[in-house]
Amino acid sequence: MRRRAPGRGRTWPWVRYGLGRLLQVTGLVVTLVAATAFFGTPSTVAMLRMMLAGVLIFVPGWLLARSPPGRRKADS
């Protein structure tokens, strides 16, 4: 059985993790922009829709980036 060279073949977990973090940050920014852009205006429905869009962007990112690659889970 051949051993893998260190650092080879481990790029896809990092790409998935980076994409997840990007989606998290994008979702947070969309939510914050919605909260500040519609503050004090009568268009509450538009603000809630934009905040929902931010949450729908954030949640898949959170699911993709729950734990960074290379971190071992505790045995307990």
N, C-alpha and C. Protein backbone atom coordinates (compact mmCIF):
# COMPACT_ATOMS: atom_id res chain seq x y z
N MET A 1 0.84 -1.18 0.00
CA MET A 1 0.00 0.00 0.00
C MET A 1 0.89 1.25 0.00
N ARG A 2 0.61 2.16 -0.92
CA ARG A 2 1.43 3.37 -1.03
C ARG A 2 0.87 4.47 -0.15
N ARG A 3 1.77 5.20 0.43
CA ARG A 3 1.36 6.34 1.25
C ARG A 3 1.28 7.57 0.37
N ARG A 4 0.34 8.41 0.68
CA ARG A 4 0.16 9.65 -0.06
C ARG A 4 1.20 10.67 0.37
N ALA A 5 1.67 11.44 -0.59
CA ALA A 5 2.62 12.50 -0.25
C ALA A 5 1.89 13.57 0.56
N PRO A 6 2.56 14.13 1.57
CA PRO A 6 1.88 15.14 2.38
C PRO A 6 1.46 16.35 1.55
N GLY A 7 0.24 16.79 1.77
CA GLY A 7 -0.25 17.98 1.11
C GLY A 7 -0.90 17.73 -0.24
N ARG A 8 -0.85 16.51 -0.74
CA ARG A 8 -1.45 16.23 -2.06
C ARG A 8 -2.82 15.58 -1.86
N GLY A 9 -3.77 15.97 -2.69
CA GLY A 9 -5.09 15.38 -2.64
C GLY A 9 -5.98 15.91 -1.54
N ARG A 10 -5.60 17.00 -0.93
CA ARG A 10 -6.39 17.55 0.17
C ARG A 10 -6.90 18.95 -0.14
N THR A 11 -7.05 19.27 -1.41
CA THR A 11 -7.46 20.63 -1.75
C THR A 11 -8.97 20.79 -1.71
N TRP A 12 -9.74 19.74 -2.08
CA TRP A 12 -11.20 19.89 -2.13
C TRP A 12 -11.82 20.17 -0.78
N PRO A 13 -11.37 19.57 0.32
CA PRO A 13 -11.95 19.98 1.62
C PRO A 13 -11.71 21.45 1.93
N TRP A 14 -10.53 21.97 1.55
CA TRP A 14 -10.25 23.38 1.80
C TRP A 14 -11.07 24.29 0.90
N VAL A 15 -11.32 23.85 -0.34
CA VAL A 15 -12.16 24.63 -1.25
C VAL A 15 -13.59 24.69 -0.70
N ARG A 16 -14.09 23.55 -0.23
CA ARG A 16 -15.44 23.50 0.35
C ARG A 16 -15.51 24.39 1.59
N TYR A 17 -14.50 24.34 2.43
CA TYR A 17 -14.46 25.17 3.63
C TYR A 17 -14.42 26.66 3.27
N GLY A 18 -13.59 27.01 2.29
CA GLY A 18 -13.50 28.41 1.87
C GLY A 18 -14.80 28.92 1.25
N LEU A 19 -15.45 28.07 0.46
CA LEU A 19 -16.73 28.44 -0.11
C LEU A 19 -17.77 28.64 0.99
N GLY A 20 -17.75 27.78 1.99
CA GLY A 20 -18.67 27.92 3.10
C GLY A 20 -18.46 29.22 3.85
N ARG A 21 -17.20 29.56 4.11
CA ARG A 21 -16.91 30.83 4.79
C ARG A 21 -17.33 32.02 3.95
N LEU A 22 -17.12 31.94 2.64
CA LEU A 22 -17.53 33.02 1.75
C LEU A 22 -19.05 33.21 1.79
N LEU A 23 -19.79 32.11 1.78
CA LEU A 23 -21.24 32.20 1.85
C LEU A 23 -21.69 32.77 3.20
N GLN A 24 -21.00 32.39 4.27
CA GLN A 24 -21.34 32.93 5.59
C GLN A 24 -21.16 34.44 5.62
N VAL A 25 -20.03 34.91 5.16
CA VAL A 25 -19.75 36.35 5.19
C VAL A 25 -20.72 37.10 4.28
N THR A 26 -21.01 36.53 3.10
CA THR A 26 -21.95 37.17 2.18
C THR A 26 -23.33 37.26 2.79
N GLY A 27 -23.79 36.20 3.43
CA GLY A 27 -25.09 36.22 4.08
C GLY A 27 -25.17 37.23 5.20
N LEU A 28 -24.11 37.33 5.98
CA LEU A 28 -24.09 38.33 7.05
C LEU A 28 -24.11 39.75 6.51
N VAL A 29 -23.35 39.99 5.44
CA VAL A 29 -23.32 41.32 4.86
C VAL A 29 -24.69 41.68 4.28
N VAL A 30 -25.34 40.75 3.59
CA VAL A 30 -26.66 41.01 3.03
C VAL A 30 -27.65 41.34 4.15
N THR A 31 -27.58 40.60 5.24
CA THR A 31 -28.49 40.86 6.37
C THR A 31 -28.22 42.22 7.00
N LEU A 32 -26.96 42.56 7.18
CA LEU A 32 -26.63 43.87 7.78
C LEU A 32 -27.00 45.02 6.85
N VAL A 33 -26.79 44.84 5.56
CA VAL A 33 -27.18 45.89 4.61
C VAL A 33 -28.69 46.07 4.62
N ALA A 34 -29.43 44.97 4.71
CA ALA A 34 -30.89 45.07 4.76
C ALA A 34 -31.33 45.82 6.01
N ALA A 35 -30.68 45.54 7.12
CA ALA A 35 -31.08 46.20 8.37
C ALA A 35 -30.77 47.69 8.33
N THR A 36 -29.65 48.07 7.72
CA THR A 36 -29.29 49.48 7.70
C THR A 36 -29.96 50.25 6.56
N ALA A 37 -30.14 49.61 5.41
CA ALA A 37 -30.71 50.32 4.27
C ALA A 37 -32.19 50.64 4.48
N PHE A 38 -32.91 49.76 5.17
CA PHE A 38 -34.34 49.97 5.34
C PHE A 38 -34.70 50.51 6.72
N PHE A 39 -33.70 50.92 7.49
CA PHE A 39 -33.96 51.43 8.83
C PHE A 39 -34.76 52.73 8.75
N GLY A 40 -35.90 52.78 9.42
CA GLY A 40 -36.72 53.98 9.47
C GLY A 40 -37.61 54.19 8.26
N THR A 41 -37.65 53.23 7.35
CA THR A 41 -38.52 53.37 6.18
C THR A 41 -39.77 52.52 6.37
N PRO A 42 -40.83 52.83 5.67
CA PRO A 42 -42.06 52.06 5.82
C PRO A 42 -42.05 50.71 5.09
N SER A 43 -41.00 50.41 4.34
CA SER A 43 -40.97 49.16 3.56
C SER A 43 -40.40 48.00 4.40
N THR A 44 -41.17 47.58 5.37
CA THR A 44 -40.75 46.50 6.25
C THR A 44 -40.71 45.16 5.51
N VAL A 45 -41.63 44.95 4.61
CA VAL A 45 -41.67 43.68 3.88
C VAL A 45 -40.42 43.51 3.02
N ALA A 46 -39.97 44.58 2.39
CA ALA A 46 -38.75 44.50 1.58
C ALA A 46 -37.54 44.18 2.46
N MET A 47 -37.49 44.80 3.65
CA MET A 47 -36.39 44.52 4.56
C MET A 47 -36.41 43.06 4.99
N LEU A 48 -37.58 42.54 5.32
CA LEU A 48 -37.67 41.15 5.76
C LEU A 48 -37.31 40.18 4.64
N ARG A 49 -37.69 40.50 3.41
CA ARG A 49 -37.31 39.65 2.28
C ARG A 49 -35.80 39.63 2.08
N MET A 50 -35.18 40.80 2.19
CA MET A 50 -33.73 40.86 2.01
C MET A 50 -33.02 40.14 3.15
N MET A 51 -33.55 40.26 4.36
CA MET A 51 -32.95 39.55 5.49
C MET A 51 -33.12 38.04 5.31
N LEU A 52 -34.25 37.61 4.79
CA LEU A 52 -34.45 36.19 4.52
C LEU A 52 -33.46 35.70 3.47
N ALA A 53 -33.21 36.51 2.46
CA ALA A 53 -32.21 36.14 1.45
C ALA A 53 -30.83 35.99 2.10
N GLY A 54 -30.48 36.88 3.02
CA GLY A 54 -29.21 36.77 3.72
C GLY A 54 -29.11 35.50 4.54
N VAL A 55 -30.20 35.13 5.20
CA VAL A 55 -30.21 33.91 6.00
C VAL A 55 -30.10 32.68 5.09
N LEU A 56 -30.80 32.72 3.95
CA LEU A 56 -30.75 31.59 3.03
C LEU A 56 -29.38 31.44 2.37
N ILE A 57 -28.60 32.50 2.33
CA ILE A 57 -27.21 32.41 1.85
C ILE A 57 -26.31 31.92 2.97
N PHE A 58 -26.57 32.38 4.20
CA PHE A 58 -25.71 32.05 5.33
C PHE A 58 -25.78 30.58 5.73
N VAL A 59 -26.98 30.01 5.76
CA VAL A 59 -27.16 28.65 6.29
C VAL A 59 -26.38 27.59 5.50
N PRO A 60 -26.42 27.57 4.16
CA PRO A 60 -25.58 26.58 3.46
C PRO A 60 -24.09 26.79 3.72
N GLY A 61 -23.68 28.04 3.86
CA GLY A 61 -22.28 28.31 4.18
C GLY A 61 -21.90 27.77 5.54
N TRP A 62 -22.81 27.90 6.49
CA TRP A 62 -22.55 27.38 7.83
C TRP A 62 -22.46 25.86 7.80
N LEU A 63 -23.32 25.23 7.00
CA LEU A 63 -23.28 23.77 6.91
C LEU A 63 -22.01 23.28 6.22
N LEU A 64 -21.51 24.03 5.24
CA LEU A 64 -20.29 23.63 4.55
C LEU A 64 -19.04 23.83 5.41
N ALA A 65 -19.04 24.84 6.25
CA ALA A 65 -17.82 25.21 6.98
C ALA A 65 -17.95 24.94 8.48
N ARG A 66 -18.64 23.87 8.85
CA ARG A 66 -18.81 23.60 10.28
C ARG A 66 -17.48 23.33 10.98
N SER A 67 -16.59 22.59 10.36
CA SER A 67 -15.28 22.35 10.98
C SER A 67 -14.21 22.44 9.90
N PRO A 68 -13.10 23.08 10.20
CA PRO A 68 -12.04 23.22 9.21
C PRO A 68 -11.39 21.87 8.90
N PRO A 69 -10.94 21.65 7.68
CA PRO A 69 -10.27 20.40 7.33
C PRO A 69 -9.00 20.24 8.14
N GLY A 70 -8.69 19.02 8.47
CA GLY A 70 -7.48 18.75 9.24
C GLY A 70 -7.70 18.72 10.74
N ARG A 71 -8.78 19.26 11.21
CA ARG A 71 -9.06 19.22 12.63
C ARG A 71 -9.69 17.87 12.97
N ARG A 72 -9.14 17.22 13.97
CA ARG A 72 -9.67 15.93 14.37
C ARG A 72 -10.75 16.13 15.41
N LYS A 73 -11.78 15.30 15.32
CA LYS A 73 -12.88 15.40 16.28
C LYS A 73 -12.48 14.67 17.55
N ALA A 74 -13.00 15.16 18.66
CA ALA A 74 -12.72 14.55 19.96
C ALA A 74 -13.39 13.19 20.05
N ASP A 75 -12.77 12.29 20.77
CA ASP A 75 -13.31 10.93 20.89
C ASP A 75 -14.47 10.85 21.85
N SER A 76 -14.71 11.89 22.62
CA SER A 76 -15.79 11.81 23.60
C SER A 76 -17.14 12.15 23.04
